């Protein structure tokens, strides 16, 4: 068995087949390495897609809230720190760093 493998590797067709396999794995434009990089890119893009879909859902919920008068006032007070006339606003910030 060992002699057969060595004869095949030493033969011209064996060398050509080995070179072809090496070429397809490393140097070809459709190589396994490029396919793995492209699969990683696809995975990353799918993660970005799901992130942006979730952000769109959050924005749609916020948009529905803003379209009512009370929701608009609440949004303006909480996010934009707006106030009515003759009204004072106190912002309380907590120090999250503990000694």
PDB file of N, CA and C in Angstrom:
ATOM      1  N   UNK A   1       0.835  -1.198   0.000  1.00  0.00           N
ATOM      2  CA  UNK A   1       0.000   0.000   0.000  1.00  0.00           C
ATOM      3  C   UNK A   1       0.867   1.243   0.000  1.00  0.00           C
ATOM      4  N   UNK A   2       1.892   1.240   0.842  1.00  0.00           N
ATOM      5  CA  UNK A   2       2.781   2.395   0.935  1.00  0.00           C
ATOM      6  C   UNK A   2       3.526   2.622  -0.374  1.00  0.00           C
ATOM      7  N   UNK A   3       3.932   1.549  -1.034  1.00  0.00           N
ATOM      8  CA  UNK A   3       4.641   1.661  -2.308  1.00  0.00           C
ATOM      9  C   UNK A   3       3.747   2.254  -3.386  1.00  0.00           C
ATOM     10  N   UNK A   4       2.463   1.885  -3.381  1.00  0.00           N
ATOM     11  CA  UNK A   4       1.518   2.420  -4.375  1.00  0.00           C
ATOM     12  C   UNK A   4       1.386   3.932  -4.234  1.00  0.00           C
ATOM     13  N   UNK A   5       1.255   4.386  -2.982  1.00  0.00           N
ATOM     14  CA  UNK A   5       1.097   5.824  -2.729  1.00  0.00           C
ATOM     15  C   UNK A   5       2.348   6.563  -3.175  1.00  0.00           C
ATOM     16  N   UNK A   6       3.518   6.043  -2.837  1.00  0.00           N
ATOM     17  CA  UNK A   6       4.767   6.687  -3.239  1.00  0.00           C
ATOM     18  C   UNK A   6       4.934   6.694  -4.752  1.00  0.00           C
ATOM     19  N   UNK A   7       4.548   5.615  -5.419  1.00  0.00           N
ATOM     20  CA  UNK A   7       4.637   5.566  -6.882  1.00  0.00           C
ATOM     21  C   UNK A   7       3.697   6.602  -7.498  1.00  0.00           C
ATOM     22  N   UNK A   8       2.484   6.690  -6.915  1.00  0.00           N
ATOM     23  CA  UNK A   8       1.515   7.653  -7.454  1.00  0.00           C
ATOM     24  C   UNK A   8       2.021   9.090  -7.275  1.00  0.00           C
ATOM     25  N   UNK A   9       2.581   9.391  -6.102  1.00  0.00           N
ATOM     26  CA  UNK A   9       3.080  10.738  -5.837  1.00  0.00           C
ATOM     27  C   UNK A   9       4.256  11.068  -6.748  1.00  0.00           C
ATOM     28  N   UNK A  10       5.095  10.103  -7.023  1.00  0.00           N
ATOM     29  CA  UNK A  10       6.268  10.331  -7.865  1.00  0.00           C
ATOM     30  C   UNK A  10       5.922  10.371  -9.350  1.00  0.00           C
ATOM     31  N   UNK A  11       4.786   9.834  -9.727  1.00  0.00           N
ATOM     32  CA  UNK A  11       4.408   9.833 -11.140  1.00  0.00           C
ATOM     33  C   UNK A  11       4.000  11.234 -11.585  1.00  0.00           C
ATOM     34  N   UNK A  12       4.012  11.457 -12.876  1.00  0.00           N
ATOM     35  CA  UNK A  12       3.671  12.763 -13.440  1.00  0.00           C
ATOM     36  C   UNK A  12       2.230  13.144 -13.123  1.00  0.00           C
ATOM     37  N   UNK A  13       1.322  12.201 -13.265  1.00  0.00           N
ATOM     38  CA  UNK A  13      -0.083  12.513 -12.985  1.00  0.00           C
ATOM     39  C   UNK A  13      -0.288  12.813 -11.504  1.00  0.00           C
ATOM     40  N   UNK A  14       0.429  12.137 -10.629  1.00  0.00           N
ATOM     41  CA  UNK A  14       0.328  12.406  -9.198  1.00  0.00           C
ATOM     42  C   UNK A  14       0.807  13.806  -8.860  1.00  0.00           C
ATOM     43  N   UNK A  15       1.924  14.202  -9.440  1.00  0.00           N
ATOM     44  CA  UNK A  15       2.453  15.554  -9.211  1.00  0.00           C
ATOM     45  C   UNK A  15       1.481  16.604  -9.727  1.00  0.00           C
ATOM     46  N   UNK A  16       0.910  16.351 -10.903  1.00  0.00           N
ATOM     47  CA  UNK A  16      -0.050  17.305 -11.480  1.00  0.00           C
ATOM     48  C   UNK A  16      -1.291  17.405 -10.594  1.00  0.00           C
ATOM     49  N   UNK A  17      -1.787  16.293 -10.099  1.00  0.00           N
ATOM     50  CA  UNK A  17      -2.974  16.326  -9.236  1.00  0.00           C
ATOM     51  C   UNK A  17      -2.676  17.056  -7.929  1.00  0.00           C
ATOM     52  N   UNK A  18      -1.522  16.801  -7.336  1.00  0.00           N
ATOM     53  CA  UNK A  18      -1.149  17.493  -6.095  1.00  0.00           C
ATOM     54  C   UNK A  18      -1.019  18.992  -6.333  1.00  0.00           C
ATOM     55  N   UNK A  19      -0.352  19.376  -7.433  1.00  0.00           N
ATOM     56  CA  UNK A  19      -0.223  20.803  -7.753  1.00  0.00           C
ATOM     57  C   UNK A  19      -1.587  21.443  -7.997  1.00  0.00           C
ATOM     58  N   UNK A  20      -2.483  20.698  -8.658  1.00  0.00           N
ATOM     59  CA  UNK A  20      -3.826  21.212  -8.905  1.00  0.00           C
ATOM     60  C   UNK A  20      -4.575  21.448  -7.591  1.00  0.00           C
ATOM     61  N   UNK A  21      -4.463  20.503  -6.661  1.00  0.00           N
ATOM     62  CA  UNK A  21      -5.138  20.648  -5.362  1.00  0.00           C
ATOM     63  C   UNK A  21      -4.579  21.839  -4.599  1.00  0.00           C
ATOM     64  N   UNK A  22      -3.260  21.982  -4.581  1.00  0.00           N
ATOM     65  CA  UNK A  22      -2.636  23.132  -3.908  1.00  0.00           C
ATOM     66  C   UNK A  22      -3.087  24.428  -4.557  1.00  0.00           C
ATOM     67  N   UNK A  23      -3.129  24.449  -5.887  1.00  0.00           N
ATOM     68  CA  UNK A  23      -3.569  25.655  -6.601  1.00  0.00           C
ATOM     69  C   UNK A  23      -5.011  26.011  -6.228  1.00  0.00           C
ATOM     70  N   UNK A  24      -5.897  25.024  -6.190  1.00  0.00           N
ATOM     71  CA  UNK A  24      -7.309  25.286  -5.889  1.00  0.00           C
ATOM     72  C   UNK A  24      -7.514  25.730  -4.443  1.00  0.00           C
ATOM     73  N   UNK A  25      -6.681  25.249  -3.535  1.00  0.00           N
ATOM     74  CA  UNK A  25      -6.850  25.618  -2.130  1.00  0.00           C
ATOM     75  C   UNK A  25      -6.321  27.018  -1.859  1.00  0.00           C
ATOM     76  N   UNK A  26      -5.195  27.393  -2.432  1.00  0.00           N
ATOM     77  CA  UNK A  26      -4.532  28.628  -2.035  1.00  0.00           C
ATOM     78  C   UNK A  26      -4.550  29.743  -3.084  1.00  0.00           C
ATOM     79  N   UNK A  27      -4.396  29.434  -4.371  1.00  0.00           N
ATOM     80  CA  UNK A  27      -4.116  30.486  -5.349  1.00  0.00           C
ATOM     81  C   UNK A  27      -5.271  30.839  -6.274  1.00  0.00           C
ATOM     82  N   UNK A  28      -6.239  30.010  -6.422  1.00  0.00           N
ATOM     83  CA  UNK A  28      -7.328  30.261  -7.356  1.00  0.00           C
ATOM     84  C   UNK A  28      -8.244  31.369  -6.838  1.00  0.00           C
ATOM     85  N   UNK A  29      -8.936  32.034  -7.750  1.00  0.00           N
ATOM     86  CA  UNK A  29      -9.840  33.116  -7.332  1.00  0.00           C
ATOM     87  C   UNK A  29     -11.060  32.568  -6.584  1.00  0.00           C
ATOM     88  N   UNK A  30     -11.326  31.292  -6.718  1.00  0.00           N
ATOM     89  CA  UNK A  30     -12.418  30.646  -5.980  1.00  0.00           C
ATOM     90  C   UNK A  30     -11.874  29.703  -4.922  1.00  0.00           C
ATOM     91  N   UNK A  31     -10.772  30.071  -4.313  1.00  0.00           N
ATOM     92  CA  UNK A  31     -10.111  29.183  -3.360  1.00  0.00           C
ATOM     93  C   UNK A  31     -10.919  29.047  -2.068  1.00  0.00           C
ATOM     94  N   UNK A  32     -10.555  28.057  -1.301  1.00  0.00           N
ATOM     95  CA  UNK A  32     -11.234  27.794  -0.025  1.00  0.00           C
ATOM     96  C   UNK A  32     -11.006  28.954   0.939  1.00  0.00           C
ATOM     97  N   UNK A  33      -9.827  29.538   0.906  1.00  0.00           N
ATOM     98  CA  UNK A  33      -9.527  30.668   1.791  1.00  0.00           C
ATOM     99  C   UNK A  33     -10.430  31.859   1.497  1.00  0.00           C
ATOM    100  N   UNK A  34     -10.624  32.159   0.230  1.00  0.00           N
ATOM    101  CA  UNK A  34     -11.486  33.289  -0.145  1.00  0.00           C
ATOM    102  C   UNK A  34     -12.933  32.986   0.226  1.00  0.00           C
ATOM    103  N   UNK A  35     -13.349  31.738   0.043  1.00  0.00           N
ATOM    104  CA  UNK A  35     -14.722  31.366   0.427  1.00  0.00           C
ATOM    105  C   UNK A  35     -14.940  31.529   1.926  1.00  0.00           C
ATOM    106  N   UNK A  36     -13.951  31.178   2.721  1.00  0.00           N
ATOM    107  CA  UNK A  36     -14.119  31.336   4.170  1.00  0.00           C
ATOM    108  C   UNK A  36     -14.170  32.810   4.552  1.00  0.00           C
ATOM    109  N   UNK A  37     -13.363  33.654   3.894  1.00  0.00           N
ATOM    110  CA  UNK A  37     -13.434  35.102   4.149  1.00  0.00           C
ATOM    111  C   UNK A  37     -14.798  35.655   3.761  1.00  0.00           C
ATOM    112  N   UNK A  38     -15.296  35.223   2.625  1.00  0.00           N
ATOM    113  CA  UNK A  38     -16.610  35.700   2.173  1.00  0.00           C
ATOM    114  C   UNK A  38     -17.719  35.223   3.110  1.00  0.00           C
ATOM    115  N   UNK A  39     -17.617  34.007   3.621  1.00  0.00           N
ATOM    116  CA  UNK A  39     -18.614  33.516   4.582  1.00  0.00           C
ATOM    117  C   UNK A  39     -18.584  34.338   5.864  1.00  0.00           C
ATOM    118  N   UNK A  40     -17.387  34.718   6.315  1.00  0.00           N
ATOM    119  CA  UNK A  40     -17.283  35.583   7.496  1.00  0.00           C
ATOM    120  C   UNK A  40     -17.898  36.950   7.229  1.00  0.00           C
ATOM    121  N   UNK A  41     -17.673  37.496   6.033  1.00  0.00           N
ATOM    122  CA  UNK A  41     -18.275  38.787   5.669  1.00  0.00           C
ATOM    123  C   UNK A  41     -19.796  38.694   5.653  1.00  0.00           C
ATOM    124  N   UNK A  42     -20.311  37.601   5.115  1.00  0.00           N
ATOM    125  CA  UNK A  42     -21.762  37.409   5.067  1.00  0.00           C
ATOM    126  C   UNK A  42     -22.335  37.335   6.476  1.00  0.00           C
ATOM    127  N   UNK A  43     -21.649  36.617   7.356  1.00  0.00           N
ATOM    128  CA  UNK A  43     -22.107  36.498   8.741  1.00  0.00           C
ATOM    129  C   UNK A  43     -22.123  37.870   9.421  1.00  0.00           C
ATOM    130  N   UNK A  44     -21.072  38.656   9.202  1.00  0.00           N
ATOM    131  CA  UNK A  44     -20.998  39.998   9.796  1.00  0.00           C
ATOM    132  C   UNK A  44     -22.089  40.907   9.246  1.00  0.00           C
ATOM    133  N   UNK A  45     -22.339  40.840   7.948  1.00  0.00           N
ATOM    134  CA  UNK A  45     -23.384  41.664   7.348  1.00  0.00           C
ATOM    135  C   UNK A  45     -24.772  41.261   7.843  1.00  0.00           C
ATOM    136  N   UNK A  46     -24.998  39.980   8.065  1.00  0.00           N
ATOM    137  CA  UNK A  46     -26.289  39.544   8.610  1.00  0.00           C
ATOM    138  C   UNK A  46     -26.481  40.056  10.034  1.00  0.00           C
ATOM    139  N   UNK A  47     -25.400  40.082  10.820  1.00  0.00           N
ATOM    140  CA  UNK A  47     -25.494  40.644  12.172  1.00  0.00           C
ATOM    141  C   UNK A  47     -25.810  42.131  12.123  1.00  0.00           C
ATOM    142  N   UNK A  48     -25.174  42.852  11.196  1.00  0.00           N
ATOM    143  CA  UNK A  48     -25.461  44.280  11.042  1.00  0.00           C
ATOM    144  C   UNK A  48     -26.902  44.490  10.593  1.00  0.00           C
ATOM    145  N   UNK A  49     -27.372  43.632   9.705  1.00  0.00           N
ATOM    146  CA  UNK A  49     -28.748  43.741   9.215  1.00  0.00           C
ATOM    147  C   UNK A  49     -29.746  43.582  10.359  1.00  0.00           C
ATOM    148  N   UNK A  50     -29.525  42.579  11.213  1.00  0.00           N
ATOM    149  CA  UNK A  50     -30.449  42.377  12.330  1.00  0.00           C
ATOM    150  C   UNK A  50     -30.368  43.541  13.316  1.00  0.00           C
ATOM    151  N   UNK A  51     -29.166  44.090  13.530  1.00  0.00           N
ATOM    152  CA  UNK A  51     -29.025  45.252  14.414  1.00  0.00           C
ATOM    153  C   UNK A  51     -29.836  46.432  13.875  1.00  0.00           C
ATOM    154  N   UNK A  52     -29.694  46.719  12.589  1.00  0.00           N
ATOM    155  CA  UNK A  52     -30.406  47.861  12.019  1.00  0.00           C
ATOM    156  C   UNK A  52     -31.906  47.617  11.945  1.00  0.00           C
ATOM    157  N   UNK A  53     -32.331  46.373  11.758  1.00  0.00           N
ATOM    158  CA  UNK A  53     -33.766  46.085  11.789  1.00  0.00           C
ATOM    159  C   UNK A  53     -34.333  46.359  13.174  1.00  0.00           C
ATOM    160  N   UNK A  54     -33.582  45.991  14.223  1.00  0.00           N
ATOM    161  CA  UNK A  54     -34.030  46.280  15.590  1.00  0.00           C
ATOM    162  C   UNK A  54     -34.071  47.779  15.845  1.00  0.00           C
ATOM    163  N   UNK A  55     -33.094  48.514  15.334  1.00  0.00           N
ATOM    164  CA  UNK A  55     -33.092  49.969  15.498  1.00  0.00           C
ATOM    165  C   UNK A  55     -34.286  50.594  14.774  1.00  0.00           C
ATOM    166  N   UNK A  56     -34.637  50.078  13.616  1.00  0.00           N
ATOM    167  CA  UNK A  56     -35.796  50.588  12.874  1.00  0.00           C
ATOM    168  C   UNK A  56     -37.072  50.339  13.675  1.00  0.00           C
ATOM    169  N   UNK A  57     -37.188  49.162  14.305  1.00  0.00           N
ATOM    170  CA  UNK A  57     -38.366  48.866  15.131  1.00  0.00           C
ATOM    171  C   UNK A  57     -38.462  49.842  16.300  1.00  0.00           C
ATOM    172  N   UNK A  58     -37.318  50.106  16.960  1.00  0.00           N
ATOM    173  CA  UNK A  58     -37.310  51.054  18.075  1.00  0.00           C
ATOM    174  C   UNK A  58     -37.721  52.446  17.600  1.00  0.00           C
ATOM    175  N   UNK A  59     -37.196  52.867  16.460  1.00  0.00           N
ATOM    176  CA  UNK A  59     -37.523  54.194  15.937  1.00  0.00           C
ATOM    177  C   UNK A  59     -38.992  54.290  15.539  1.00  0.00           C
ATOM    178  N   UNK A  60     -39.550  53.217  14.995  1.00  0.00           N
ATOM    179  CA  UNK A  60     -40.969  53.233  14.644  1.00  0.00           C
ATOM    180  C   UNK A  60     -41.845  53.359  15.886  1.00  0.00           C
ATOM    181  N   UNK A  61     -41.476  52.678  16.956  1.00  0.00           N
ATOM    182  CA  UNK A  61     -42.229  52.792  18.211  1.00  0.00           C
ATOM    183  C   UNK A  61     -42.156  54.220  18.737  1.00  0.00           C
ATOM    184  N   UNK A  62     -40.964  54.795  18.692  1.00  0.00           N
ATOM    185  CA  UNK A  62     -40.790  56.170  19.167  1.00  0.00           C
ATOM    186  C   UNK A  62     -41.552  57.156  18.279  1.00  0.00           C
ATOM    187  N   UNK A  63     -41.575  56.903  16.989  1.00  0.00           N
ATOM    188  CA  UNK A  63     -42.307  57.770  16.061  1.00  0.00           C
ATOM    189  C   UNK A  63     -43.803  57.720  16.332  1.00  0.00           C
ATOM    190  N   UNK A  64     -44.328  56.527  16.611  1.00  0.00           N
ATOM    191  CA  UNK A  64     -45.749  56.413  16.948  1.00  0.00           C
ATOM    192  C   UNK A  64     -46.063  57.167  18.233  1.00  0.00           C
ATOM    193  N   UNK A  65     -45.130  57.118  19.199  1.00  0.00           N
ATOM    194  CA  UNK A  65     -45.332  57.824  20.453  1.00  0.00           C
ATOM    195  C   UNK A  65     -45.334  59.339  20.221  1.00  0.00           C
ATOM    196  N   UNK A  66     -44.469  59.825  19.374  1.00  0.00           N
ATOM    197  CA  UNK A  66     -44.342  61.268  19.143  1.00  0.00           C
ATOM    198  C   UNK A  66     -45.561  61.834  18.430  1.00  0.00           C
ATOM    199  N   UNK A  67     -46.266  61.022  17.680  1.00  0.00           N
ATOM    200  CA  UNK A  67     -47.369  61.546  16.880  1.00  0.00           C
ATOM    201  C   UNK A  67     -48.575  61.968  17.710  1.00  0.00           C
ATOM    202  N   UNK A  68     -48.620  61.616  18.990  1.00  0.00           N
ATOM    203  CA  UNK A  68     -49.686  62.134  19.848  1.00  0.00           C
ATOM    204  C   UNK A  68     -49.148  63.370  20.587  1.00  0.00           C
ATOM    205  N   UNK A  69     -50.033  64.263  21.015  1.00  0.00           N
ATOM    206  CA  UNK A  69     -49.604  65.501  21.668  1.00  0.00           C
ATOM    207  C   UNK A  69     -48.899  65.226  22.990  1.00  0.00           C
ATOM    208  N   UNK A  70     -49.465  64.334  23.787  1.00  0.00           N
ATOM    209  CA  UNK A  70     -48.830  64.043  25.075  1.00  0.00           C
ATOM    210  C   UNK A  70     -47.490  63.337  24.880  1.00  0.00           C
ATOM    211  N   UNK A  71     -47.411  62.489  23.880  1.00  0.00           N
ATOM    212  CA  UNK A  71     -46.156  61.807  23.589  1.00  0.00           C
ATOM    213  C   UNK A  71     -45.102  62.774  23.082  1.00  0.00           C
ATOM    214  N   UNK A  72     -45.529  63.756  22.304  1.00  0.00           N
ATOM    215  CA  UNK A  72     -44.600  64.770  21.794  1.00  0.00           C
ATOM    216  C   UNK A  72     -44.050  65.607  22.938  1.00  0.00           C
ATOM    217  N   UNK A  73     -44.914  65.994  23.862  1.00  0.00           N
ATOM    218  CA  UNK A  73     -44.468  66.778  25.008  1.00  0.00           C
ATOM    219  C   UNK A  73     -43.501  65.965  25.875  1.00  0.00           C
ATOM    220  N   UNK A  74     -43.835  64.702  26.103  1.00  0.00           N
ATOM    221  CA  UNK A  74     -42.967  63.841  26.904  1.00  0.00           C
ATOM    222  C   UNK A  74     -41.598  63.676  26.240  1.00  0.00           C
ATOM    223  N   UNK A  75     -41.596  63.489  24.925  1.00  0.00           N
ATOM    224  CA  UNK A  75     -40.336  63.336  24.194  1.00  0.00           C
ATOM    225  C   UNK A  75     -39.504  64.611  24.281  1.00  0.00           C
ATOM    226  N   UNK A  76     -40.153  65.754  24.095  1.00  0.00           N
ATOM    227  CA  UNK A  76     -39.440  67.028  24.144  1.00  0.00           C
ATOM    228  C   UNK A  76     -38.845  67.264  25.526  1.00  0.00           C
ATOM    229  N   UNK A  77     -39.561  66.906  26.565  1.00  0.00           N
ATOM    230  CA  UNK A  77     -39.050  67.105  27.925  1.00  0.00           C
ATOM    231  C   UNK A  77     -37.903  66.142  28.244  1.00  0.00           C
ATOM    232  N   UNK A  78     -38.054  64.875  27.880  1.00  0.00           N
ATOM    233  CA  UNK A  78     -37.060  63.876  28.272  1.00  0.00           C
ATOM    234  C   UNK A  78     -35.823  63.891  27.393  1.00  0.00           C
ATOM    235  N   UNK A  79     -35.995  64.015  26.108  1.00  0.00           N
ATOM    236  CA  UNK A  79     -34.858  63.887  25.196  1.00  0.00           C
ATOM    237  C   UNK A  79     -34.216  65.229  24.858  1.00  0.00           C
ATOM    238  N   UNK A  80     -35.017  66.247  24.699  1.00  0.00           N
ATOM    239  CA  UNK A  80     -34.497  67.546  24.264  1.00  0.00           C
ATOM    240  C   UNK A  80     -34.368  68.550  25.401  1.00  0.00           C
ATOM    241  N   UNK A  81     -34.786  68.159  26.599  1.00  0.00           N
ATOM    242  CA  UNK A  81     -34.713  69.001  27.802  1.00  0.00           C
ATOM    243  C   UNK A  81     -35.401  70.352  27.599  1.00  0.00           C
ATOM    244  N   UNK A  82     -36.547  70.334  26.949  1.00  0.00           N
ATOM    245  CA  UNK A  82     -37.334  71.553  26.774  1.00  0.00           C
ATOM    246  C   UNK A  82     -38.243  71.728  27.983  1.00  0.00           C
ATOM    247  N   UNK A  83     -38.723  72.950  28.177  1.00  0.00           N
ATOM    248  CA  UNK A  83     -39.576  73.219  29.324  1.00  0.00           C
ATOM    249  C   UNK A  83     -40.614  74.260  28.944  1.00  0.00           C
ATOM    250  N   UNK A  84     -41.625  74.331  29.776  1.00  0.00           N
ATOM    251  CA  UNK A  84     -42.641  75.357  29.598  1.00  0.00           C
ATOM    252  C   UNK A  84     -42.132  76.642  30.232  1.00  0.00           C
ATOM    253  N   UNK A  85     -42.804  77.760  29.919  1.00  0.00           N
ATOM    254  CA  UNK A  85     -42.416  79.029  30.533  1.00  0.00           C
ATOM    255  C   UNK A  85     -42.685  78.966  32.037  1.00  0.00           C
ATOM    256  N   UNK A  86     -41.888  79.683  32.798  1.00  0.00           N
ATOM    257  CA  UNK A  86     -41.997  79.747  34.254  1.00  0.00           C
ATOM    258  C   UNK A  86     -41.867  78.359  34.900  1.00  0.00           C
ATOM    259  N   UNK A  87     -41.011  77.545  34.351  1.00  0.00           N
ATOM    260  CA  UNK A  87     -40.813  76.211  34.884  1.00  0.00           C
ATOM    261  C   UNK A  87     -39.304  75.963  34.988  1.00  0.00           C
ATOM    262  N   UNK A  88     -38.890  75.320  36.042  1.00  0.00           N
ATOM    263  CA  UNK A  88     -37.474  75.020  36.224  1.00  0.00           C
ATOM    264  C   UNK A  88     -37.252  73.522  36.111  1.00  0.00           C
ATOM    265  N   UNK A  89     -36.115  73.160  35.550  1.00  0.00           N
ATOM    266  CA  UNK A  89     -35.772  71.752  35.378  1.00  0.00           C
ATOM    267  C   UNK A  89     -34.466  71.492  36.114  1.00  0.00           C
ATOM    268  N   UNK A  90     -34.444  70.442  36.875  1.00  0.00           N
ATOM    269  CA  UNK A  90     -33.226  70.031  37.562  1.00  0.00           C
ATOM    270  C   UNK A  90     -32.791  68.675  36.999  1.00  0.00           C
ATOM    271  N   UNK A  91     -31.581  68.616  36.501  1.00  0.00           N
ATOM    272  CA  UNK A  91     -31.033  67.359  35.988  1.00  0.00           C
ATOM    273  C   UNK A  91     -30.161  66.741  37.067  1.00  0.00           C
ATOM    274  N   UNK A  92     -30.453  65.515  37.386  1.00  0.00           N
ATOM    275  CA  UNK A  92     -29.680  64.807  38.399  1.00  0.00           C
ATOM    276  C   UNK A  92     -28.862  63.742  37.710  1.00  0.00           C
ATOM    277  N   UNK A  93     -27.548  63.850  37.829  1.00  0.00           N
ATOM    278  CA  UNK A  93     -26.656  62.864  37.238  1.00  0.00           C
ATOM    279  C   UNK A  93     -26.015  62.063  38.349  1.00  0.00           C
ATOM    280  N   UNK A  94     -25.983  60.773  38.166  1.00  0.00           N
ATOM    281  CA  UNK A  94     -25.404  59.877  39.152  1.00  0.00           C
ATOM    282  C   UNK A  94     -23.993  59.510  38.743  1.00  0.00           C
ATOM    283  N   UNK A  95     -23.104  59.494  39.713  1.00  0.00           N
ATOM    284  CA  UNK A  95     -21.736  59.069  39.451  1.00  0.00           C
ATOM    285  C   UNK A  95     -21.710  57.552  39.492  1.00  0.00           C
ATOM    286  N   UNK A  96     -21.396  56.931  38.364  1.00  0.00           N
ATOM    287  CA  UNK A  96     -21.412  55.474  38.308  1.00  0.00           C
ATOM    288  C   UNK A  96     -20.067  54.863  38.659  1.00  0.00           C
ATOM    289  N   UNK A  97     -19.070  55.705  38.860  1.00  0.00           N
ATOM    290  CA  UNK A  97     -17.746  55.189  39.218  1.00  0.00           C
ATOM    291  C   UNK A  97     -17.670  55.094  40.738  1.00  0.00           C
ATOM    292  N   UNK A  98     -17.387  53.907  41.221  1.00  0.00           N
ATOM    293  CA  UNK A  98     -17.291  53.732  42.662  1.00  0.00           C
ATOM    294  C   UNK A  98     -15.812  53.660  43.061  1.00  0.00           C
ATOM    295  N   UNK A  99     -15.490  54.259  44.193  1.00  0.00           N
ATOM    296  CA  UNK A  99     -14.100  54.299  44.659  1.00  0.00           C
ATOM    297  C   UNK A  99     -13.698  53.014  45.321  1.00  0.00           C
TER     298      UNK A  99
END
